[in-house]
């Protein structure tokens, strides 16, 4: 699509439709740029134990206990203790418990195969 460099005179009533069209054009441009160049992601920064405990909604001593037990992903360069938010969120997701409905649906699916 070639951009039209002449700007039409819009009435007040036409403005909402024009703005909506512009938003859709910008969305398509963003999608095209992301597809062509890949999503630009800023590097993730590590967080402190206090922020990690807050993110996980747990008390700081509980977090330290999980670190000592080797249950939670963490980093200890030069004696400091750091966490990456994405790793903590993945750790939480790995502990997901299936609902009763999901278990029942899997059992029914397994019975049909057998």
N, C-alpha and C. Protein backbone atom coordinates (compact mmCIF):
# COMPACT_ATOMS: atom_id res chain seq x y z
N UNK A 1 0.84 -1.17 0.00
CA UNK A 1 0.00 0.00 0.00
C UNK A 1 0.90 1.24 0.00
N UNK A 2 0.58 2.17 -0.87
CA UNK A 2 1.33 3.42 -0.94
C UNK A 2 0.56 4.47 -0.16
N UNK A 3 1.28 5.21 0.66
CA UNK A 3 0.63 6.23 1.47
C UNK A 3 0.24 7.42 0.61
N UNK A 4 -0.94 7.90 0.83
CA UNK A 4 -1.43 9.08 0.15
C UNK A 4 -0.94 10.30 0.94
N UNK A 5 -0.19 11.15 0.29
CA UNK A 5 0.37 12.30 1.01
C UNK A 5 -0.55 13.51 0.99
N UNK A 6 -1.63 13.46 0.22
CA UNK A 6 -2.59 14.57 0.26
C UNK A 6 -3.59 14.26 1.36
N UNK A 7 -3.86 15.24 2.19
CA UNK A 7 -4.73 15.04 3.33
C UNK A 7 -6.12 15.59 3.02
N UNK A 8 -7.13 14.74 3.10
CA UNK A 8 -8.49 15.23 2.80
C UNK A 8 -9.00 16.11 3.93
N UNK A 9 -9.89 16.98 3.60
CA UNK A 9 -10.56 17.79 4.60
C UNK A 9 -11.67 16.94 5.21
N UNK A 10 -11.62 16.73 6.51
CA UNK A 10 -12.60 15.89 7.18
C UNK A 10 -13.56 16.75 7.98
N UNK A 11 -14.80 16.32 7.96
CA UNK A 11 -15.78 17.00 8.81
C UNK A 11 -15.67 16.41 10.21
N UNK A 12 -16.25 17.11 11.16
CA UNK A 12 -16.24 16.63 12.55
C UNK A 12 -16.87 15.24 12.65
N UNK A 13 -17.93 15.00 11.90
CA UNK A 13 -18.62 13.71 11.92
C UNK A 13 -17.75 12.59 11.35
N UNK A 14 -16.84 12.91 10.46
CA UNK A 14 -15.99 11.90 9.84
C UNK A 14 -14.78 11.53 10.69
N UNK A 15 -14.46 12.35 11.69
CA UNK A 15 -13.26 12.11 12.51
C UNK A 15 -13.23 10.74 13.19
N UNK A 16 -14.30 10.28 13.85
CA UNK A 16 -14.23 8.97 14.51
C UNK A 16 -13.85 7.85 13.54
N UNK A 17 -14.44 7.84 12.35
CA UNK A 17 -14.11 6.80 11.37
C UNK A 17 -12.67 6.93 10.88
N UNK A 18 -12.21 8.16 10.70
CA UNK A 18 -10.83 8.38 10.25
C UNK A 18 -9.83 7.91 11.31
N UNK A 19 -10.11 8.24 12.57
CA UNK A 19 -9.21 7.82 13.66
C UNK A 19 -9.21 6.30 13.77
N UNK A 20 -10.36 5.69 13.67
CA UNK A 20 -10.45 4.23 13.71
C UNK A 20 -9.64 3.60 12.58
N UNK A 21 -9.75 4.13 11.39
CA UNK A 21 -8.99 3.63 10.24
C UNK A 21 -7.49 3.76 10.49
N UNK A 22 -7.08 4.88 11.09
CA UNK A 22 -5.66 5.08 11.39
C UNK A 22 -5.16 4.05 12.41
N UNK A 23 -5.96 3.78 13.44
CA UNK A 23 -5.57 2.77 14.43
C UNK A 23 -5.38 1.41 13.77
N UNK A 24 -6.29 1.06 12.87
CA UNK A 24 -6.16 -0.24 12.18
C UNK A 24 -4.92 -0.28 11.30
N UNK A 25 -4.61 0.84 10.66
CA UNK A 25 -3.40 0.89 9.84
C UNK A 25 -2.15 0.72 10.70
N UNK A 26 -2.11 1.38 11.84
CA UNK A 26 -0.96 1.27 12.75
C UNK A 26 -0.83 -0.17 13.25
N UNK A 27 -1.95 -0.80 13.62
CA UNK A 27 -1.90 -2.20 14.08
C UNK A 27 -1.34 -3.10 13.00
N UNK A 28 -1.78 -2.90 11.74
CA UNK A 28 -1.25 -3.72 10.65
C UNK A 28 0.24 -3.48 10.45
N UNK A 29 0.66 -2.23 10.55
CA UNK A 29 2.08 -1.91 10.43
C UNK A 29 2.90 -2.60 11.53
N UNK A 30 2.41 -2.53 12.77
CA UNK A 30 3.11 -3.18 13.88
C UNK A 30 3.22 -4.68 13.64
N UNK A 31 2.13 -5.29 13.19
CA UNK A 31 2.13 -6.73 12.92
C UNK A 31 3.14 -7.06 11.82
N UNK A 32 3.13 -6.28 10.75
CA UNK A 32 4.08 -6.52 9.66
C UNK A 32 5.53 -6.37 10.11
N UNK A 33 5.80 -5.36 10.91
CA UNK A 33 7.16 -5.14 11.40
C UNK A 33 7.59 -6.30 12.29
N UNK A 34 6.71 -6.74 13.20
CA UNK A 34 7.05 -7.86 14.08
C UNK A 34 7.27 -9.13 13.29
N UNK A 35 6.43 -9.39 12.28
CA UNK A 35 6.60 -10.59 11.46
C UNK A 35 7.90 -10.53 10.67
N UNK A 36 8.24 -9.35 10.19
CA UNK A 36 9.45 -9.22 9.37
C UNK A 36 10.73 -9.24 10.19
N UNK A 37 10.75 -8.51 11.28
CA UNK A 37 11.96 -8.36 12.07
C UNK A 37 11.96 -9.20 13.33
N UNK A 38 10.85 -9.77 13.70
CA UNK A 38 10.75 -10.48 14.97
C UNK A 38 10.45 -9.48 16.07
N UNK A 39 9.86 -9.98 17.12
CA UNK A 39 9.52 -9.10 18.24
C UNK A 39 10.79 -8.60 18.90
N UNK A 40 10.83 -7.33 19.17
CA UNK A 40 11.97 -6.74 19.86
C UNK A 40 11.68 -6.84 21.36
N UNK A 41 12.54 -7.57 22.06
CA UNK A 41 12.32 -7.81 23.48
C UNK A 41 13.49 -7.22 24.27
N UNK A 42 13.14 -6.42 25.23
CA UNK A 42 14.18 -5.86 26.09
C UNK A 42 14.72 -6.97 26.99
N UNK A 43 16.01 -6.93 27.28
CA UNK A 43 16.57 -7.98 28.14
C UNK A 43 15.93 -7.93 29.53
N UNK A 44 15.67 -9.11 30.05
CA UNK A 44 15.06 -9.20 31.37
C UNK A 44 16.10 -8.89 32.44
N UNK A 45 15.69 -8.18 33.46
CA UNK A 45 16.60 -7.83 34.55
C UNK A 45 16.30 -8.70 35.76
N UNK A 46 17.33 -9.12 36.46
CA UNK A 46 17.10 -9.91 37.67
C UNK A 46 16.49 -9.06 38.77
N UNK A 47 15.79 -9.73 39.68
CA UNK A 47 15.16 -9.02 40.80
C UNK A 47 15.71 -9.54 42.12
N UNK A 48 15.53 -8.77 43.16
CA UNK A 48 16.02 -9.09 44.50
C UNK A 48 15.13 -10.14 45.16
N UNK A 49 15.61 -10.76 46.24
CA UNK A 49 14.77 -11.70 46.98
C UNK A 49 13.47 -11.05 47.47
N UNK A 50 13.53 -9.80 47.88
CA UNK A 50 12.32 -9.12 48.36
C UNK A 50 11.27 -9.01 47.25
N UNK A 51 11.73 -8.62 46.06
CA UNK A 51 10.80 -8.49 44.93
C UNK A 51 10.31 -9.86 44.48
N UNK A 52 11.18 -10.87 44.55
CA UNK A 52 10.77 -12.23 44.18
C UNK A 52 9.70 -12.75 45.13
N UNK A 53 9.89 -12.51 46.43
CA UNK A 53 8.90 -12.94 47.42
C UNK A 53 7.57 -12.24 47.18
N UNK A 54 7.64 -10.95 46.84
CA UNK A 54 6.42 -10.19 46.55
C UNK A 54 5.73 -10.74 45.31
N UNK A 55 6.52 -11.02 44.26
CA UNK A 55 5.97 -11.56 43.02
C UNK A 55 5.26 -12.90 43.26
N UNK A 56 5.86 -13.73 44.11
CA UNK A 56 5.31 -15.05 44.38
C UNK A 56 4.28 -15.04 45.51
N UNK A 57 4.07 -13.88 46.10
CA UNK A 57 3.13 -13.74 47.21
C UNK A 57 3.48 -14.69 48.36
N UNK A 58 4.76 -14.69 48.72
CA UNK A 58 5.20 -15.50 49.86
C UNK A 58 6.10 -14.67 50.75
N UNK A 59 6.24 -15.11 51.96
CA UNK A 59 7.09 -14.40 52.92
C UNK A 59 8.55 -14.67 52.57
N UNK A 60 9.41 -13.71 52.88
CA UNK A 60 10.83 -13.81 52.57
C UNK A 60 11.49 -15.05 53.19
N UNK A 61 11.21 -15.40 54.45
CA UNK A 61 11.82 -16.62 55.00
C UNK A 61 11.41 -17.89 54.23
N UNK A 62 10.18 -17.92 53.71
CA UNK A 62 9.74 -19.07 52.91
C UNK A 62 10.54 -19.14 51.62
N UNK A 63 10.77 -17.99 51.00
CA UNK A 63 11.57 -17.95 49.78
C UNK A 63 12.98 -18.46 50.06
N UNK A 64 13.60 -17.97 51.13
CA UNK A 64 14.95 -18.43 51.47
C UNK A 64 14.98 -19.93 51.73
N UNK A 65 13.95 -20.46 52.37
CA UNK A 65 13.90 -21.91 52.63
C UNK A 65 13.84 -22.68 51.32
N UNK A 66 13.06 -22.20 50.36
CA UNK A 66 12.97 -22.87 49.06
C UNK A 66 14.29 -22.79 48.30
N UNK A 67 15.01 -21.69 48.47
CA UNK A 67 16.34 -21.56 47.85
C UNK A 67 17.29 -22.58 48.47
N UNK A 68 17.30 -22.66 49.81
CA UNK A 68 18.20 -23.61 50.50
C UNK A 68 17.90 -25.05 50.09
N UNK A 69 16.62 -25.36 49.87
CA UNK A 69 16.22 -26.72 49.49
C UNK A 69 16.40 -26.99 48.00
N UNK A 70 16.80 -25.96 47.25
CA UNK A 70 17.00 -26.12 45.81
C UNK A 70 15.70 -26.30 45.06
N UNK A 71 14.61 -25.73 45.56
CA UNK A 71 13.29 -25.91 44.96
C UNK A 71 12.89 -24.81 44.00
N UNK A 72 13.61 -23.70 44.05
CA UNK A 72 13.21 -22.54 43.27
C UNK A 72 14.39 -22.04 42.42
N UNK A 73 14.16 -21.67 41.16
CA UNK A 73 15.28 -21.22 40.33
C UNK A 73 15.85 -19.89 40.83
N UNK A 74 17.17 -19.85 40.98
CA UNK A 74 17.82 -18.65 41.49
C UNK A 74 19.27 -18.59 41.01
N UNK A 75 19.90 -17.45 41.23
CA UNK A 75 21.30 -17.23 40.85
C UNK A 75 22.02 -16.62 42.03
N UNK A 76 23.29 -17.02 42.21
CA UNK A 76 24.08 -16.52 43.34
C UNK A 76 25.47 -16.10 42.89
N UNK A 77 25.57 -15.09 42.04
CA UNK A 77 26.91 -14.65 41.65
C UNK A 77 27.54 -13.82 42.77
N UNK A 78 28.75 -14.09 43.09
CA UNK A 78 29.50 -13.34 44.11
C UNK A 78 28.74 -13.18 45.42
N UNK A 79 28.00 -14.18 45.81
CA UNK A 79 27.32 -14.16 47.10
C UNK A 79 25.97 -13.48 47.11
N UNK A 80 25.62 -12.76 46.04
CA UNK A 80 24.30 -12.13 45.97
C UNK A 80 23.26 -13.16 45.56
N UNK A 81 22.00 -12.86 45.78
CA UNK A 81 20.92 -13.78 45.42
C UNK A 81 19.97 -13.04 44.50
N UNK A 82 19.76 -13.61 43.31
CA UNK A 82 18.93 -12.96 42.30
C UNK A 82 17.97 -13.96 41.67
N UNK A 83 16.88 -13.41 41.11
CA UNK A 83 15.86 -14.21 40.46
C UNK A 83 15.44 -13.52 39.17
N UNK A 84 15.00 -14.30 38.19
CA UNK A 84 14.42 -13.73 36.99
C UNK A 84 12.92 -13.97 37.04
N UNK A 85 12.13 -12.89 36.88
CA UNK A 85 10.68 -13.02 36.99
C UNK A 85 10.09 -14.10 36.08
N UNK A 86 10.56 -14.19 34.84
CA UNK A 86 9.99 -15.18 33.92
C UNK A 86 10.22 -16.61 34.42
N UNK A 87 11.38 -16.86 35.03
CA UNK A 87 11.67 -18.20 35.56
C UNK A 87 10.79 -18.51 36.77
N UNK A 88 10.53 -17.50 37.59
CA UNK A 88 9.67 -17.71 38.75
C UNK A 88 8.24 -18.01 38.30
N UNK A 89 7.77 -17.29 37.29
CA UNK A 89 6.42 -17.53 36.78
C UNK A 89 6.32 -18.92 36.17
N UNK A 90 7.34 -19.34 35.42
CA UNK A 90 7.35 -20.70 34.86
C UNK A 90 7.36 -21.75 35.96
N UNK A 91 8.11 -21.50 37.03
CA UNK A 91 8.17 -22.41 38.17
C UNK A 91 6.79 -22.58 38.78
N UNK A 92 6.06 -21.48 38.92
CA UNK A 92 4.71 -21.54 39.46
C UNK A 92 3.80 -22.34 38.52
N UNK A 93 3.91 -22.09 37.21
CA UNK A 93 3.07 -22.77 36.24
C UNK A 93 3.31 -24.28 36.23
N UNK A 94 4.53 -24.71 36.50
CA UNK A 94 4.84 -26.15 36.51
C UNK A 94 4.12 -26.87 37.65
N UNK A 95 3.72 -26.12 38.66
CA UNK A 95 3.04 -26.74 39.80
C UNK A 95 1.53 -26.74 39.66
N UNK A 96 1.04 -26.49 38.45
CA UNK A 96 -0.41 -26.42 38.25
C UNK A 96 -1.07 -27.76 38.54
N UNK A 97 -2.16 -27.71 39.28
CA UNK A 97 -2.96 -28.89 39.59
C UNK A 97 -4.16 -28.90 38.65
N UNK A 98 -4.39 -30.03 38.00
CA UNK A 98 -5.53 -30.14 37.09
C UNK A 98 -6.83 -30.10 37.87
N UNK A 99 -7.85 -29.55 37.22
CA UNK A 99 -9.17 -29.53 37.84
C UNK A 99 -9.79 -30.92 37.76
N UNK A 100 -10.80 -31.15 38.58
CA UNK A 100 -11.51 -32.43 38.55
C UNK A 100 -12.11 -32.66 37.17
N UNK A 101 -12.64 -31.62 36.55
CA UNK A 101 -13.23 -31.74 35.21
C UNK A 101 -12.17 -32.17 34.19
N UNK A 102 -10.95 -31.62 34.28
CA UNK A 102 -9.88 -32.00 33.36
C UNK A 102 -9.49 -33.45 33.54
N UNK A 103 -9.40 -33.89 34.79
CA UNK A 103 -9.03 -35.28 35.09
C UNK A 103 -10.10 -36.22 34.56
N UNK A 104 -11.36 -35.87 34.78
CA UNK A 104 -12.46 -36.70 34.29
C UNK A 104 -12.48 -36.76 32.77
N UNK A 105 -12.23 -35.63 32.10
CA UNK A 105 -12.21 -35.60 30.64
C UNK A 105 -11.07 -36.48 30.11
N UNK A 106 -9.90 -36.45 30.74
CA UNK A 106 -8.78 -37.30 30.33
C UNK A 106 -9.11 -38.77 30.55
N UNK A 107 -9.79 -39.08 31.66
CA UNK A 107 -10.17 -40.47 31.93
C UNK A 107 -11.16 -40.96 30.88
N UNK A 108 -12.14 -40.13 30.52
CA UNK A 108 -13.09 -40.54 29.49
C UNK A 108 -12.41 -40.75 28.16
N UNK A 109 -11.47 -39.87 27.83
CA UNK A 109 -10.73 -39.97 26.57
C UNK A 109 -9.92 -41.27 26.56
N UNK A 110 -9.31 -41.60 27.69
CA UNK A 110 -8.52 -42.82 27.80
C UNK A 110 -9.39 -44.06 27.69
N UNK A 111 -10.59 -44.04 28.24
CA UNK A 111 -11.50 -45.18 28.14
C UNK A 111 -11.97 -45.41 26.72
N UNK A 112 -12.15 -44.34 25.97
CA UNK A 112 -12.57 -44.47 24.56
C UNK A 112 -11.49 -45.10 23.70
N UNK A 113 -10.25 -44.84 24.03
CA UNK A 113 -9.12 -45.40 23.24
C UNK A 113 -8.97 -46.89 23.48
N UNK A 114 -9.22 -47.31 24.72
CA UNK A 114 -8.96 -48.68 25.14
C UNK A 114 -9.95 -49.64 24.63
